[in-house]
C-alpha atoms as a PDB file:
ATOM      1  CA  MET A   1      65.440  19.163  56.176  1.00  0.00           C
ATOM      2  CA  ARG A   2      67.801  21.162  53.993  1.00  0.00           C
ATOM      3  CA  LYS A   3      65.251  24.021  53.923  1.00  0.00           C
ATOM      4  CA  ILE A   4      65.016  24.008  57.711  1.00  0.00           C
ATOM      5  CA  ILE A   5      68.845  24.191  58.012  1.00  0.00           C
ATOM      6  CA  ILE A   6      68.980  27.037  55.508  1.00  0.00           C
ATOM      7  CA  ILE A   7      66.217  28.965  57.343  1.00  0.00           C
ATOM      8  CA  PHE A   8      68.008  28.397  60.642  1.00  0.00           C
ATOM      9  CA  PHE A   9      71.339  29.824  59.392  1.00  0.00           C
ATOM     10  CA  VAL A  10      69.578  32.729  57.680  1.00  0.00           C
ATOM     11  CA  SER A  11      67.808  33.530  60.973  1.00  0.00           C
ATOM     12  CA  ILE A  12      71.047  33.399  62.921  1.00  0.00           C
ATOM     13  CA  TYR A  13      72.712  35.716  60.382  1.00  0.00           C
ATOM     14  CA  SER A  14      69.806  38.147  60.489  1.00  0.00           C
ATOM     15  CA  LEU A  15      69.811  38.298  64.292  1.00  0.00           C
ATOM     16  CA  SER A  16      73.574  38.805  64.305  1.00  0.00           C
ATOM     17  CA  SER A  17      73.272  41.640  61.780  1.00  0.00           C
ATOM     18  CA  MET A  18      70.516  43.294  63.773  1.00  0.00           C
ATOM     19  CA  ALA A  19      72.616  43.097  66.942  1.00  0.00           C
ATOM     20  CA  GLN A  20      75.591  44.672  65.178  1.00  0.00           C
ATOM     21  CA  ILE A  21      73.360  47.467  63.858  1.00  0.00           C
ATOM     22  CA  LYS A  22      71.972  48.091  67.343  1.00  0.00           C
ATOM     23  CA  ASP A  23      75.458  48.160  68.899  1.00  0.00           C
ATOM     24  CA  SER A  24      76.597  50.526  66.171  1.00  0.00           C
ATOM     25  CA  SER A  25      73.570  52.762  66.771  1.00  0.00           C
ATOM     26  CA  GLU A  26      74.197  52.855  70.541  1.00  0.00           C
ATOM     27  CA  SER A  27      77.844  53.612  69.951  1.00  0.00           C
ATOM     28  CA  THR A  28      76.901  56.449  67.627  1.00  0.00           C
ATOM     29  CA  ASP A  29      74.424  57.843  70.160  1.00  0.00           C
ATOM     30  CA  ASN A  30      77.040  57.716  72.906  1.00  0.00           C
ATOM     31  CA  SER A  31      79.540  59.348  70.592  1.00  0.00           C
ATOM     32  CA  LEU A  32      77.092  62.198  69.869  1.00  0.00           C
ATOM     33  CA  LEU A  33      76.491  62.687  73.581  1.00  0.00           C
ATOM     34  CA  LYS A  34      80.217  62.918  74.150  1.00  0.00           C
ATOM     35  CA  LYS A  35      80.429  65.576  71.456  1.00  0.00           C
ATOM     36  CA  LEU A  36      77.904  67.750  73.329  1.00  0.00           C
ATOM     37  CA  PRO A  37      79.671  68.262  76.673  1.00  0.00           C
ATOM     38  CA  TYR A  38      79.615  72.006  76.913  1.00  0.00           C
ATOM     39  CA  PHE A  39      75.945  72.611  77.723  1.00  0.00           C
ATOM     40  CA  GLY A  40      75.632  73.686  81.334  1.00  0.00           C
ATOM     41  CA  VAL A  41      73.727  75.921  83.697  1.00  0.00           C
ATOM     42  CA  ALA A  42      75.072  78.000  86.572  1.00  0.00           C
ATOM     43  CA  LEU A  43      73.550  80.303  89.163  1.00  0.00           C
ATOM     44  CA  GLY A  44      75.484  83.448  89.966  1.00  0.00           C
ATOM     45  CA  VAL A  45      75.593  86.596  92.079  1.00  0.00           C
ATOM     46  CA  SER A  46      77.350  89.852  91.293  1.00  0.00           C
ATOM     47  CA  ALA A  47      78.268  93.259  92.703  1.00  0.00           C
ATOM     48  CA  SER A  48      78.758  96.192  90.365  1.00  0.00           C
ATOM     49  CA  THR A  49      78.255  99.902  89.786  1.00  0.00           C
ATOM     50  CA  ASN A  50      74.781  98.866  88.665  1.00  0.00           C
ATOM     51  CA  GLY A  51      73.944  97.219  91.975  1.00  0.00           C
ATOM     52  CA  LEU A  52      73.832  93.771  93.563  1.00  0.00           C
ATOM     53  CA  GLY A  53      72.566  91.087  91.178  1.00  0.00           C
ATOM     54  CA  ILE A  54      71.506  87.517  90.589  1.00  0.00           C
ATOM     55  CA  ASN A  55      71.755  85.707  87.256  1.00  0.00           C
ATOM     56  CA  VAL A  56      71.289  82.432  85.412  1.00  0.00           C
ATOM     57  CA  ASN A  57      74.171  81.557  83.090  1.00  0.00           C
ATOM     58  CA  THR A  58      73.715  79.005  80.308  1.00  0.00           C
ATOM     59  CA  GLU A  59      76.678  77.612  78.379  1.00  0.00           C
ATOM     60  CA  LEU A  60      75.580  76.709  74.844  1.00  0.00           C
ATOM     61  CA  THR A  61      78.939  75.879  73.280  1.00  0.00           C
ATOM     62  CA  LYS A  62      82.579  75.967  74.210  1.00  0.00           C
ATOM     63  CA  ASN A  63      82.694  79.694  73.449  1.00  0.00           C
ATOM     64  CA  VAL A  64      79.150  81.018  73.964  1.00  0.00           C
ATOM     65  CA  VAL A  65      77.365  81.722  77.237  1.00  0.00           C
ATOM     66  CA  ILE A  66      73.993  83.484  77.700  1.00  0.00           C
ATOM     67  CA  ARG A  67      73.278  85.387  80.926  1.00  0.00           C
ATOM     68  CA  LEU A  68      69.880  86.500  82.162  1.00  0.00           C
ATOM     69  CA  GLY A  69      70.014  88.620  85.267  1.00  0.00           C
ATOM     70  CA  TYR A  70      68.642  91.294  87.534  1.00  0.00           C
ATOM     71  CA  GLU A  71      70.575  93.963  89.464  1.00  0.00           C
ATOM     72  CA  SER A  72      69.402  96.575  91.925  1.00  0.00           C
ATOM     73  CA  VAL A  73      70.678  99.302  94.230  1.00  0.00           C
ATOM     74  CA  ASN A  74      68.621 101.911  96.080  1.00  0.00           C
ATOM     75  CA  ALA A  75      70.632 103.860  98.656  1.00  0.00           C
ATOM     76  CA  THR A  76      70.018 107.240 100.278  1.00  0.00           C
ATOM     77  CA  PHE A  77      72.957 109.049 101.930  1.00  0.00           C
ATOM     78  CA  ASN A  78      71.360 111.299 104.515  1.00  0.00           C
ATOM     79  CA  ASN A  79      73.143 114.598 105.169  1.00  0.00           C
ATOM     80  CA  ALA A  80      76.065 113.361 103.117  1.00  0.00           C
ATOM     81  CA  TYR A  81      77.448 116.813 102.410  1.00  0.00           C
ATOM     82  CA  THR A  82      77.129 120.179 104.093  1.00  0.00           C
ATOM     83  CA  GLY A  83      78.476 123.432 102.778  1.00  0.00           C
ATOM     84  CA  LYS A  84      78.198 127.180 102.949  1.00  0.00           C
ATOM     85  CA  ILE A  85      77.758 129.911 100.357  1.00  0.00           C
ATOM     86  CA  ALA A  86      77.828 133.551 101.399  1.00  0.00           C
ATOM     87  CA  ASN A  87      77.259 132.651 105.028  1.00  0.00           C
ATOM     88  CA  GLN A  88      74.276 130.507 104.088  1.00  0.00           C
ATOM     89  CA  SER A  89      74.607 126.820 104.951  1.00  0.00           C
ATOM     90  CA  PHE A  90      73.005 124.018 102.971  1.00  0.00           C
ATOM     91  CA  ILE A  91      72.681 120.246 103.204  1.00  0.00           C
ATOM     92  CA  ILE A  92      72.836 117.817 100.241  1.00  0.00           C
ATOM     93  CA  THR A  93      71.262 114.365 100.445  1.00  0.00           C
ATOM     94  CA  PRO A  94      72.004 112.164  97.374  1.00  0.00           C
ATOM     95  CA  THR A  95      70.040 109.064  96.376  1.00  0.00           C
ATOM     96  CA  TRP A  96      71.488 106.394  94.112  1.00  0.00           C
ATOM     97  CA  GLN A  97      68.995 104.100  92.408  1.00  0.00           C
ATOM     98  CA  SER A  98      70.077 101.863  89.576  1.00  0.00           C
ATOM     99  CA  GLY A  99      69.864  98.333  88.222  1.00  0.00           C
ATOM    100  CA  GLY A 100      67.481  96.555  85.898  1.00  0.00           C
ATOM    101  CA  ILE A 101      66.844  93.362  83.919  1.00  0.00           C
ATOM    102  CA  SER A 102      69.562  92.260  81.475  1.00  0.00           C
ATOM    103  CA  ALA A 103      70.138  89.727  78.692  1.00  0.00           C
ATOM    104  CA  ILE A 104      73.797  89.330  77.784  1.00  0.00           C
ATOM    105  CA  VAL A 105      75.827  87.041  75.506  1.00  0.00           C
ATOM    106  CA  ASP A 106      79.452  86.198  76.338  1.00  0.00           C
ATOM    107  CA  PHE A 107      81.842  85.120  73.585  1.00  0.00           C
ATOM    108  CA  TYR A 108      85.032  83.564  74.952  1.00  0.00           C
ATOM    109  CA  LEU A 109      88.171  84.445  73.014  1.00  0.00           C
ATOM    110  CA  LEU A 110      90.242  82.380  75.460  1.00  0.00           C
ATOM    111  CA  LYS A 111      89.312  80.214  78.428  1.00  0.00           C
ATOM    112  CA  GLY A 112      89.508  83.227  80.764  1.00  0.00           C
ATOM    113  CA  LEU A 113      88.921  86.140  78.404  1.00  0.00           C
ATOM    114  CA  TYR A 114      85.585  87.132  76.869  1.00  0.00           C
ATOM    115  CA  LEU A 115      83.640  89.869  75.116  1.00  0.00           C
ATOM    116  CA  SER A 116      80.059  90.627  76.143  1.00  0.00           C
ATOM    117  CA  GLY A 117      77.144  92.229  74.346  1.00  0.00           C
ATOM    118  CA  GLY A 118      73.483  92.585  75.213  1.00  0.00           C
ATOM    119  CA  VAL A 119      70.725  94.859  76.475  1.00  0.00           C
ATOM    120  CA  VAL A 120      69.464  96.078  79.826  1.00  0.00           C
ATOM    121  CA  TYR A 121      66.185  97.674  80.841  1.00  0.00           C
ATOM    122  CA  SER A 122      67.429 100.201  83.381  1.00  0.00           C
ATOM    123  CA  ASN A 123      65.631 101.731  86.339  1.00  0.00           C
ATOM    124  CA  MET A 124      68.403 104.284  86.956  1.00  0.00           C
ATOM    125  CA  ASN A 125      67.336 107.416  88.837  1.00  0.00           C
ATOM    126  CA  ILE A 126      70.130 109.382  90.522  1.00  0.00           C
ATOM    127  CA  SER A 127      69.005 112.388  92.559  1.00  0.00           C
ATOM    128  CA  ALA A 128      70.198 114.951  95.104  1.00  0.00           C
ATOM    129  CA  THR A 129      68.060 116.954  97.493  1.00  0.00           C
ATOM    130  CA  VAL A 130      69.315 120.332  98.720  1.00  0.00           C
ATOM    131  CA  ASN A 131      67.933 121.832 101.940  1.00  0.00           C
ATOM    132  CA  SER A 132      68.840 125.013 103.748  1.00  0.00           C
ATOM    133  CA  GLY A 133      70.839 124.334 106.867  1.00  0.00           C
ATOM    134  CA  SER A 134      69.828 127.539 108.600  1.00  0.00           C
ATOM    135  CA  ALA A 135      67.225 130.297 108.453  1.00  0.00           C
ATOM    136  CA  VAL A 136      67.317 132.572 105.426  1.00  0.00           C
ATOM    137  CA  LYS A 137      66.792 136.279 105.941  1.00  0.00           C
ATOM    138  CA  ILE A 138      65.040 138.136 103.114  1.00  0.00           C
ATOM    139  CA  GLY A 139      65.031 141.826 103.984  1.00  0.00           C
ATOM    140  CA  ASP A 140      64.270 141.945 107.650  1.00  0.00           C
ATOM    141  CA  ILE A 141      62.164 138.757 107.633  1.00  0.00           C
ATOM    142  CA  PRO A 142      63.834 135.437 108.561  1.00  0.00           C
ATOM    143  CA  PHE A 143      62.483 132.236 106.972  1.00  0.00           C
ATOM    144  CA  LEU A 144      63.006 128.824 108.525  1.00  0.00           C
ATOM    145  CA  PRO A 145      64.492 126.015 106.328  1.00  0.00           C
ATOM    146  CA  ASP A 146      61.066 124.404 105.935  1.00  0.00           C
ATOM    147  CA  GLU A 147      59.639 127.707 104.714  1.00  0.00           C
ATOM    148  CA  VAL A 148      62.466 128.259 102.263  1.00  0.00           C
ATOM    149  CA  GLY A 149      61.721 124.952 100.628  1.00  0.00           C
ATOM    150  CA  GLN A 150      63.662 122.187  98.985  1.00  0.00           C
ATOM    151  CA  LEU A 151      65.518 121.831  95.676  1.00  0.00           C
ATOM    152  CA  LYS A 152      65.715 118.379  94.049  1.00  0.00           C
ATOM    153  CA  LEU A 153      67.899 117.517  91.082  1.00  0.00           C
ATOM    154  CA  THR A 154      67.346 114.181  89.209  1.00  0.00           C
ATOM    155  CA  ILE A 155      69.270 112.371  86.490  1.00  0.00           C
ATOM    156  CA  THR A 156      67.511 109.674  84.475  1.00  0.00           C
ATOM    157  CA  PRO A 157      68.366 107.955  81.151  1.00  0.00           C
ATOM    158  CA  LEU A 158      66.761 109.131  77.941  1.00  0.00           C
ATOM    159  CA  ASN A 159      66.472 105.469  76.800  1.00  0.00           C
ATOM    160  CA  ARG A 160      65.792 102.928  79.517  1.00  0.00           C
ATOM    161  CA  LEU A 161      66.347 100.033  77.108  1.00  0.00           C
ATOM    162  CA  ALA A 162      70.066 100.340  76.471  1.00  0.00           C
ATOM    163  CA  PRO A 163      72.752  98.280  74.700  1.00  0.00           C
ATOM    164  CA  TYR A 164      75.654  96.902  76.744  1.00  0.00           C
ATOM    165  CA  GLY A 165      79.244  96.026  75.861  1.00  0.00           C
ATOM    166  CA  ALA A 166      82.090  94.743  78.053  1.00  0.00           C
ATOM    167  CA  LEU A 167      85.445  93.015  78.297  1.00  0.00           C
ATOM    168  CA  GLY A 168      85.636  90.274  80.902  1.00  0.00           C
ATOM    169  CA  PHE A 169      88.243  88.205  82.660  1.00  0.00           C
ATOM    170  CA  GLY A 170      87.615  84.788  84.218  1.00  0.00           C
ATOM    171  CA  ARG A 171      84.387  82.871  83.556  1.00  0.00           C
ATOM    172  CA  ASN A 172      80.684  83.211  84.266  1.00  0.00           C
ATOM    173  CA  ILE A 173      80.278  79.434  84.208  1.00  0.00           C
ATOM    174  CA  SER A 174      83.145  77.106  84.949  1.00  0.00           C
ATOM    175  CA  ARG A 175      84.356  74.580  82.397  1.00  0.00           C
ATOM    176  CA  ASP A 176      86.455  72.276  84.602  1.00  0.00           C
ATOM    177  CA  LYS A 177      85.056  73.036  88.099  1.00  0.00           C
ATOM    178  CA  ARG A 178      81.802  73.987  89.754  1.00  0.00           C
ATOM    179  CA  LEU A 179      82.842  77.390  91.079  1.00  0.00           C
ATOM    180  CA  ALA A 180      83.781  80.299  88.795  1.00  0.00           C
ATOM    181  CA  PHE A 181      84.815  83.957  89.218  1.00  0.00           C
ATOM    182  CA  SER A 182      84.721  86.906  86.810  1.00  0.00           C
ATOM    183  CA  PHE A 183      85.738  90.535  86.570  1.00  0.00           C
ATOM    184  CA  GLU A 184      84.100  92.762  83.966  1.00  0.00           C
ATOM    185  CA  LEU A 185      84.611  96.268  82.600  1.00  0.00           C
ATOM    186  CA  GLY A 186      81.769  97.581  80.479  1.00  0.00           C
ATOM    187  CA  THR A 187      79.267 100.309  79.763  1.00  0.00           C
ATOM    188  CA  TYR A 188      75.593 100.897  79.036  1.00  0.00           C
ATOM    189  CA  TYR A 189      74.711 103.455  76.372  1.00  0.00           C
ATOM    190  CA  MET A 190      71.497 105.265  77.200  1.00  0.00           C
ATOM    191  CA  ARG A 191      71.841 107.821  74.420  1.00  0.00           C
ATOM    192  CA  SER A 192      71.688 110.770  76.803  1.00  0.00           C
ATOM    193  CA  TYR A 193      70.789 111.742  80.344  1.00  0.00           C
ATOM    194  CA  VAL A 194      67.743 113.819  81.206  1.00  0.00           C
ATOM    195  CA  ILE A 195      68.119 116.307  84.058  1.00  0.00           C
ATOM    196  CA  GLY A 196      65.104 117.292  86.110  1.00  0.00           C
ATOM    197  CA  LEU A 197      64.699 120.027  88.696  1.00  0.00           C
ATOM    198  CA  SER A 198      61.903 120.613  91.186  1.00  0.00           C
ATOM    199  CA  VAL A 199      61.556 123.205  93.941  1.00  0.00           C
ATOM    200  CA  THR A 200      59.077 123.926  96.712  1.00  0.00           C
ATOM    201  CA  ASN A 201      57.866 126.856  98.805  1.00  0.00           C
ATOM    202  CA  LEU A 202      59.857 130.098  98.370  1.00  0.00           C
ATOM    203  CA  LEU A 203      62.236 128.528  95.863  1.00  0.00           C
ATOM    204  CA  ALA A 204      59.335 127.760  93.581  1.00  0.00           C
ATOM    205  CA  ALA A 205      58.973 131.430  92.741  1.00  0.00           C
ATOM    206  CA  ASN A 206      61.687 131.090  90.068  1.00  0.00           C
ATOM    207  CA  GLY A 207      60.322 127.778  88.739  1.00  0.00           C
ATOM    208  CA  PRO A 208      59.459 128.842  85.142  1.00  0.00           C
ATOM    209  CA  ALA A 209      62.880 130.434  84.575  1.00  0.00           C
ATOM    210  CA  ASN A 210      64.632 127.361  86.000  1.00  0.00           C
ATOM    211  CA  GLN A 211      62.620 125.015  83.779  1.00  0.00           C
ATOM    212  CA  GLU A 212      63.455 127.020  80.689  1.00  0.00           C
ATOM    213  CA  SER A 213      67.161 126.801  81.459  1.00  0.00           C
ATOM    214  CA  LEU A 214      66.790 123.110  82.197  1.00  0.00           C
ATOM    215  CA  ASP A 215      65.135 122.435  78.827  1.00  0.00           C
ATOM    216  CA  LYS A 216      68.071 124.131  77.095  1.00  0.00           C
ATOM    217  CA  LEU A 217      70.551 122.043  79.094  1.00  0.00           C
ATOM    218  CA  ASN A 218      68.768 118.777  78.206  1.00  0.00           C
ATOM    219  CA  ALA A 219      68.683 119.759  74.525  1.00  0.00           C
ATOM    220  CA  THR A 220      72.449 120.327  74.677  1.00  0.00           C
ATOM    221  CA  LEU A 221      73.085 116.983  76.435  1.00  0.00           C
ATOM    222  CA  LYS A 222      71.272 115.129  73.636  1.00  0.00           C
ATOM    223  CA  THR A 223      73.871 116.432  71.150  1.00  0.00           C
ATOM    224  CA  ILE A 224      76.808 115.121  73.190  1.00  0.00           C
ATOM    225  CA  SER A 225      77.564 111.560  72.108  1.00  0.00           C
ATOM    226  CA  TRP A 226      79.325 110.533  75.340  1.00  0.00           C
ATOM    227  CA  SER A 227      76.737 111.922  77.717  1.00  0.00           C
ATOM    228  CA  GLY A 228      74.642 108.734  77.805  1.00  0.00           C
ATOM    229  CA  PHE A 229      77.350 106.230  78.842  1.00  0.00           C
ATOM    230  CA  TYR A 230      77.040 104.542  82.239  1.00  0.00           C
ATOM    231  CA  PRO A 231      80.274 102.738  83.299  1.00  0.00           C
ATOM    232  CA  VAL A 232      80.029  99.258  84.772  1.00  0.00           C
ATOM    233  CA  ILE A 233      82.644  97.553  86.931  1.00  0.00           C
ATOM    234  CA  LYS A 234      81.474  94.113  87.992  1.00  0.00           C
ATOM    235  CA  LEU A 235      82.652  91.241  90.155  1.00  0.00           C
ATOM    236  CA  GLY A 236      80.835  87.931  89.775  1.00  0.00           C
ATOM    237  CA  ILE A 237      80.786  84.448  91.252  1.00  0.00           C
ATOM    238  CA  SER A 238      78.797  81.461  89.951  1.00  0.00           C
ATOM    239  CA  TYR A 239      78.179  77.796  90.766  1.00  0.00           C
ATOM    240  CA  LYS A 240      77.513  75.232  88.054  1.00  0.00           C
ATOM    241  CA  ILE A 241      74.389  73.271  88.920  1.00  0.00           C
ATOM    242  CA  TYR A 242      74.051  71.262  85.683  1.00  0.00           C
ATOM    243  CA  GLY A 243      76.531  69.970  83.122  1.00  0.00           C
ATOM    244  CA  GLU A 244      79.777  68.057  83.026  1.00  0.00           C
ATOM    245  CA  THR A 245      83.120  69.419  84.144  1.00  0.00           C
ATOM    246  CA  ARG A 246      86.049  68.745  81.846  1.00  0.00           C
ATOM    247  CA  LYS A 247      89.571  69.993  81.359  1.00  0.00           C
ATOM    248  CA  LYS A 248      89.336  70.950  77.673  1.00  0.00           C
END
């Protein structure tokens, strides 16, 4: 009988100890979860000098956010500028194509102030087409604009995979709300720009000489350290779709 009583009390003590260990474990687990509140995911849109964009913003810690995004702009401004040189009129039609895929890390110095660094694969191609606005007379023979031909100037980056740096204000994923706004000043560094020139019809007669001059200009641009910078001014808005909102 004594052995049965002893076994009974030992069993009760063991079960009690196991329950305390389980409660302690659950409390520890809950405590760990409460210490990991800053992970979150937000979807965002932006408008910048690099185009209109969409992005996914992931908050890893209180101070670190990773952004993966895509921006694009492709606009042609028909007959945007007309001019005249020596009684000869001309028409300039510029095309602005830019954007690309980006991976950027934000480091928050303060709640609403951050530094950004990352890379972008750019599809920038800025061009301008020049057409004659009237007939050109060579000697006694007039040539229509289509016969004169077209001149096209292009500007592309030497390195399409370019580093990015910026200073930002606001947030790309909210900490205490769902909606967040940001304003960013930054730049891509593409090492240098490459200028291209193509001509058609009568203008093509001076093609070799133009290309030689162009090669010299591009060689000079590669030696200028600031020539490959592309400024970025960006406005962004995001909505937090996953993660807690808290005041701290």
